[in-house]
Amino acid sequence: MRITVETSVAAPIGQVWLAYTTPADIVKWNAASDDWHTTKATVDLREGGDFSSRMEAKDGSMGFDFAGTYTKIIEHKRIEYSFGDRKAEIEFVSAPNGIVVRVVFDGETTHSVEQQRGGWQAILDNFARYVEAKQKV
């Protein structure tokens, strides 16, 4: 089952791309809710390179690692990766007011489609808010 989420970011592609692929930025936007955060991120942005993010509840009650391997990189346009036996693709598409970021990923069976879509969408919405706020500074 494939699930799609997307957001629009009112910023130039260079800023959007860097914020999506830079560990120092990832730790600032990569959370689905205010009670979670990403404590560490690594990125080796090349085909065959690995990435990881450590996501934790702010109260310390739980956490998990999200990690995978990049399988295709087209700068400023597309990122594809595998994580476990699943795959995801991120498209960066020019739009009249900035960039549409679209993520398509393989769902899993532990959580409902609605829960998965909601979590990934919340993270993507945080990303858009972060990039737009950073641009204003």
C-alpha atoms as a PDB file:
ATOM      1  CA  MET A   1       0.000   0.000   0.000  1.00  0.00           C
ATOM      2  CA  ARG A   2       1.370   3.402  -1.028  1.00  0.00           C
ATOM      3  CA  ILE A   3       0.541   6.537   0.957  1.00  0.00           C
ATOM      4  CA  THR A   4       1.016  10.101  -0.303  1.00  0.00           C
ATOM      5  CA  VAL A   5       1.423  13.330   1.669  1.00  0.00           C
ATOM      6  CA  GLU A   6       2.407  16.757   0.391  1.00  0.00           C
ATOM      7  CA  THR A   7       2.854  20.356   1.411  1.00  0.00           C
ATOM      8  CA  SER A   8       3.648  23.669  -0.245  1.00  0.00           C
ATOM      9  CA  VAL A   9       6.659  25.663   0.917  1.00  0.00           C
ATOM     10  CA  ALA A  10       6.891  29.366   0.085  1.00  0.00           C
ATOM     11  CA  ALA A  11      10.660  29.376  -0.432  1.00  0.00           C
ATOM     12  CA  PRO A  12      13.196  28.862  -3.236  1.00  0.00           C
ATOM     13  CA  ILE A  13      14.202  25.298  -4.102  1.00  0.00           C
ATOM     14  CA  GLY A  14      17.751  25.776  -2.795  1.00  0.00           C
ATOM     15  CA  GLN A  15      16.505  26.596   0.704  1.00  0.00           C
ATOM     16  CA  VAL A  16      13.891  23.825   0.647  1.00  0.00           C
ATOM     17  CA  TRP A  17      16.438  21.234  -0.499  1.00  0.00           C
ATOM     18  CA  LEU A  18      19.044  22.228   2.099  1.00  0.00           C
ATOM     19  CA  ALA A  19      16.539  22.199   4.958  1.00  0.00           C
ATOM     20  CA  TYR A  20      15.353  18.719   3.928  1.00  0.00           C
ATOM     21  CA  THR A  21      18.851  17.262   3.635  1.00  0.00           C
ATOM     22  CA  THR A  22      20.949  18.993   6.325  1.00  0.00           C
ATOM     23  CA  PRO A  23      21.165  17.298   9.746  1.00  0.00           C
ATOM     24  CA  ALA A  24      21.278  20.614  11.657  1.00  0.00           C
ATOM     25  CA  ASP A  25      17.958  21.555  10.037  1.00  0.00           C
ATOM     26  CA  ILE A  26      16.358  18.103  10.251  1.00  0.00           C
ATOM     27  CA  VAL A  27      16.598  18.068  14.056  1.00  0.00           C
ATOM     28  CA  LYS A  28      14.618  21.311  14.136  1.00  0.00           C
ATOM     29  CA  TRP A  29      11.591  20.212  12.061  1.00  0.00           C
ATOM     30  CA  ASN A  30      11.422  16.402  12.145  1.00  0.00           C
ATOM     31  CA  ALA A  31       8.588  15.743  14.632  1.00  0.00           C
ATOM     32  CA  ALA A  32       4.902  14.901  14.263  1.00  0.00           C
ATOM     33  CA  SER A  33       3.847  16.693  17.468  1.00  0.00           C
ATOM     34  CA  ASP A  34       5.175  19.136  20.056  1.00  0.00           C
ATOM     35  CA  ASP A  35       5.827  16.369  22.591  1.00  0.00           C
ATOM     36  CA  TRP A  36       8.352  14.654  20.280  1.00  0.00           C
ATOM     37  CA  HIS A  37      11.678  15.796  18.863  1.00  0.00           C
ATOM     38  CA  THR A  38      14.599  14.531  16.819  1.00  0.00           C
ATOM     39  CA  THR A  39      17.731  14.437  18.927  1.00  0.00           C
ATOM     40  CA  LYS A  40      20.198  13.409  16.229  1.00  0.00           C
ATOM     41  CA  ALA A  41      20.301  13.135  12.443  1.00  0.00           C
ATOM     42  CA  THR A  42      22.928  11.956   9.974  1.00  0.00           C
ATOM     43  CA  VAL A  43      22.869  12.290   6.196  1.00  0.00           C
ATOM     44  CA  ASP A  44      25.203  10.861   3.549  1.00  0.00           C
ATOM     45  CA  LEU A  45      23.358  12.359   0.581  1.00  0.00           C
ATOM     46  CA  ARG A  46      24.457  10.143  -2.293  1.00  0.00           C
ATOM     47  CA  GLU A  47      23.118   7.022  -3.932  1.00  0.00           C
ATOM     48  CA  GLY A  48      24.097   4.195  -1.584  1.00  0.00           C
ATOM     49  CA  GLY A  49      24.574   6.634   1.306  1.00  0.00           C
ATOM     50  CA  ASP A  50      22.827   6.108   4.627  1.00  0.00           C
ATOM     51  CA  PHE A  51      20.685   8.423   6.744  1.00  0.00           C
ATOM     52  CA  SER A  52      19.246   8.194  10.229  1.00  0.00           C
ATOM     53  CA  SER A  53      17.185  10.197  12.687  1.00  0.00           C
ATOM     54  CA  ARG A  54      16.681   9.516  16.372  1.00  0.00           C
ATOM     55  CA  MET A  55      13.133  10.485  17.352  1.00  0.00           C
ATOM     56  CA  GLU A  56      12.195  10.614  21.040  1.00  0.00           C
ATOM     57  CA  ALA A  57       9.309  11.657  23.237  1.00  0.00           C
ATOM     58  CA  LYS A  58      10.391  14.810  25.084  1.00  0.00           C
ATOM     59  CA  ASP A  59       9.462  13.189  28.406  1.00  0.00           C
ATOM     60  CA  GLY A  60      11.972  10.400  27.708  1.00  0.00           C
ATOM     61  CA  SER A  61       9.319   7.669  27.797  1.00  0.00           C
ATOM     62  CA  MET A  62      10.105   6.243  24.348  1.00  0.00           C
ATOM     63  CA  GLY A  63      12.069   6.721  21.179  1.00  0.00           C
ATOM     64  CA  PHE A  64      13.054   5.056  17.938  1.00  0.00           C
ATOM     65  CA  ASP A  65      15.524   5.297  15.097  1.00  0.00           C
ATOM     66  CA  PHE A  66      14.373   5.958  11.551  1.00  0.00           C
ATOM     67  CA  ALA A  67      17.112   4.931   9.129  1.00  0.00           C
ATOM     68  CA  GLY A  68      17.621   3.894   5.546  1.00  0.00           C
ATOM     69  CA  THR A  69      19.699   4.078   2.396  1.00  0.00           C
ATOM     70  CA  TYR A  70      19.390   6.538  -0.471  1.00  0.00           C
ATOM     71  CA  THR A  71      18.715   4.761  -3.756  1.00  0.00           C
ATOM     72  CA  LYS A  72      18.350   7.760  -6.091  1.00  0.00           C
ATOM     73  CA  ILE A  73      19.241  11.444  -5.787  1.00  0.00           C
ATOM     74  CA  ILE A  74      18.390  14.081  -8.384  1.00  0.00           C
ATOM     75  CA  GLU A  75      19.441  17.370  -6.811  1.00  0.00           C
ATOM     76  CA  HIS A  76      16.583  19.828  -6.245  1.00  0.00           C
ATOM     77  CA  LYS A  77      14.112  17.355  -7.821  1.00  0.00           C
ATOM     78  CA  ARG A  78      13.906  13.898  -6.223  1.00  0.00           C
ATOM     79  CA  ILE A  79      15.130  11.685  -3.398  1.00  0.00           C
ATOM     80  CA  GLU A  80      14.385   7.971  -3.221  1.00  0.00           C
ATOM     81  CA  TYR A  81      15.311   5.718  -0.331  1.00  0.00           C
ATOM     82  CA  SER A  82      14.710   2.343   1.214  1.00  0.00           C
ATOM     83  CA  PHE A  83      14.095   1.772   4.923  1.00  0.00           C
ATOM     84  CA  GLY A  84      13.889  -1.836   5.935  1.00  0.00           C
ATOM     85  CA  ASP A  85      11.764  -3.596   3.332  1.00  0.00           C
ATOM     86  CA  ARG A  86       9.896  -0.372   2.503  1.00  0.00           C
ATOM     87  CA  LYS A  87      10.565   2.461   0.049  1.00  0.00           C
ATOM     88  CA  ALA A  88       9.812   6.161  -0.178  1.00  0.00           C
ATOM     89  CA  GLU A  89      10.160   8.889  -2.792  1.00  0.00           C
ATOM     90  CA  ILE A  90      10.240  12.637  -2.255  1.00  0.00           C
ATOM     91  CA  GLU A  91       9.526  14.988  -5.151  1.00  0.00           C
ATOM     92  CA  PHE A  92      10.326  18.693  -5.141  1.00  0.00           C
ATOM     93  CA  VAL A  93       8.078  20.394  -7.716  1.00  0.00           C
ATOM     94  CA  SER A  94       8.138  24.069  -8.670  1.00  0.00           C
ATOM     95  CA  ALA A  95       4.811  25.805  -8.115  1.00  0.00           C
ATOM     96  CA  PRO A  96       3.642  29.428  -8.520  1.00  0.00           C
ATOM     97  CA  ASN A  97       4.201  30.218  -4.822  1.00  0.00           C
ATOM     98  CA  GLY A  98       7.271  28.096  -4.102  1.00  0.00           C
ATOM     99  CA  ILE A  99       7.881  24.362  -3.975  1.00  0.00           C
ATOM    100  CA  VAL A 100       5.490  21.450  -3.514  1.00  0.00           C
ATOM    101  CA  VAL A 101       7.140  18.664  -1.518  1.00  0.00           C
ATOM    102  CA  ARG A 102       5.390  15.332  -2.138  1.00  0.00           C
ATOM    103  CA  VAL A 103       6.286  12.174  -0.222  1.00  0.00           C
ATOM    104  CA  VAL A 104       5.048   8.752  -1.331  1.00  0.00           C
ATOM    105  CA  PHE A 105       5.892   5.857   0.965  1.00  0.00           C
ATOM    106  CA  ASP A 106       5.109   2.213   1.564  1.00  0.00           C
ATOM    107  CA  GLY A 107       2.711   1.835   4.452  1.00  0.00           C
ATOM    108  CA  GLU A 108       3.136  -0.688   7.247  1.00  0.00           C
ATOM    109  CA  THR A 109       0.652  -2.947   8.998  1.00  0.00           C
ATOM    110  CA  THR A 110       1.018  -1.860  12.650  1.00  0.00           C
ATOM    111  CA  HIS A 111      -0.810   1.471  12.303  1.00  0.00           C
ATOM    112  CA  SER A 112      -3.855   2.447  10.251  1.00  0.00           C
ATOM    113  CA  VAL A 113      -3.432   4.270   6.948  1.00  0.00           C
ATOM    114  CA  GLU A 114      -4.991   7.344   8.587  1.00  0.00           C
ATOM    115  CA  GLN A 115      -2.466   7.260  11.458  1.00  0.00           C
ATOM    116  CA  GLN A 116       0.459   6.860   9.078  1.00  0.00           C
ATOM    117  CA  ARG A 117      -0.759   9.594   6.737  1.00  0.00           C
ATOM    118  CA  GLY A 118      -1.451  11.895   9.693  1.00  0.00           C
ATOM    119  CA  GLY A 119       1.997  11.410  11.222  1.00  0.00           C
ATOM    120  CA  TRP A 120       3.928  11.869   7.998  1.00  0.00           C
ATOM    121  CA  GLN A 121       1.742  14.866   7.053  1.00  0.00           C
ATOM    122  CA  ALA A 122       2.359  16.505  10.445  1.00  0.00           C
ATOM    123  CA  ILE A 123       6.118  16.151   9.962  1.00  0.00           C
ATOM    124  CA  LEU A 124       5.880  17.613   6.452  1.00  0.00           C
ATOM    125  CA  ASP A 125       3.764  20.526   7.718  1.00  0.00           C
ATOM    126  CA  ASN A 126       6.407  21.192  10.419  1.00  0.00           C
ATOM    127  CA  PHE A 127       9.012  21.185   7.655  1.00  0.00           C
ATOM    128  CA  ALA A 128       7.114  23.824   5.658  1.00  0.00           C
ATOM    129  CA  ARG A 129       6.640  26.053   8.710  1.00  0.00           C
ATOM    130  CA  TYR A 130      10.312  25.719   9.631  1.00  0.00           C
ATOM    131  CA  VAL A 131      11.604  26.617   6.140  1.00  0.00           C
ATOM    132  CA  GLU A 132       9.239  29.569   5.787  1.00  0.00           C
ATOM    133  CA  ALA A 133      10.161  30.925   9.242  1.00  0.00           C
ATOM    134  CA  LYS A 134      13.866  30.453   8.577  1.00  0.00           C
ATOM    135  CA  GLN A 135      13.563  32.364   5.309  1.00  0.00           C
ATOM    136  CA  LYS A 136      12.111  35.398   7.124  1.00  0.00           C
ATOM    137  CA  VAL A 137      15.062  35.628   9.531  1.00  0.00           C
END
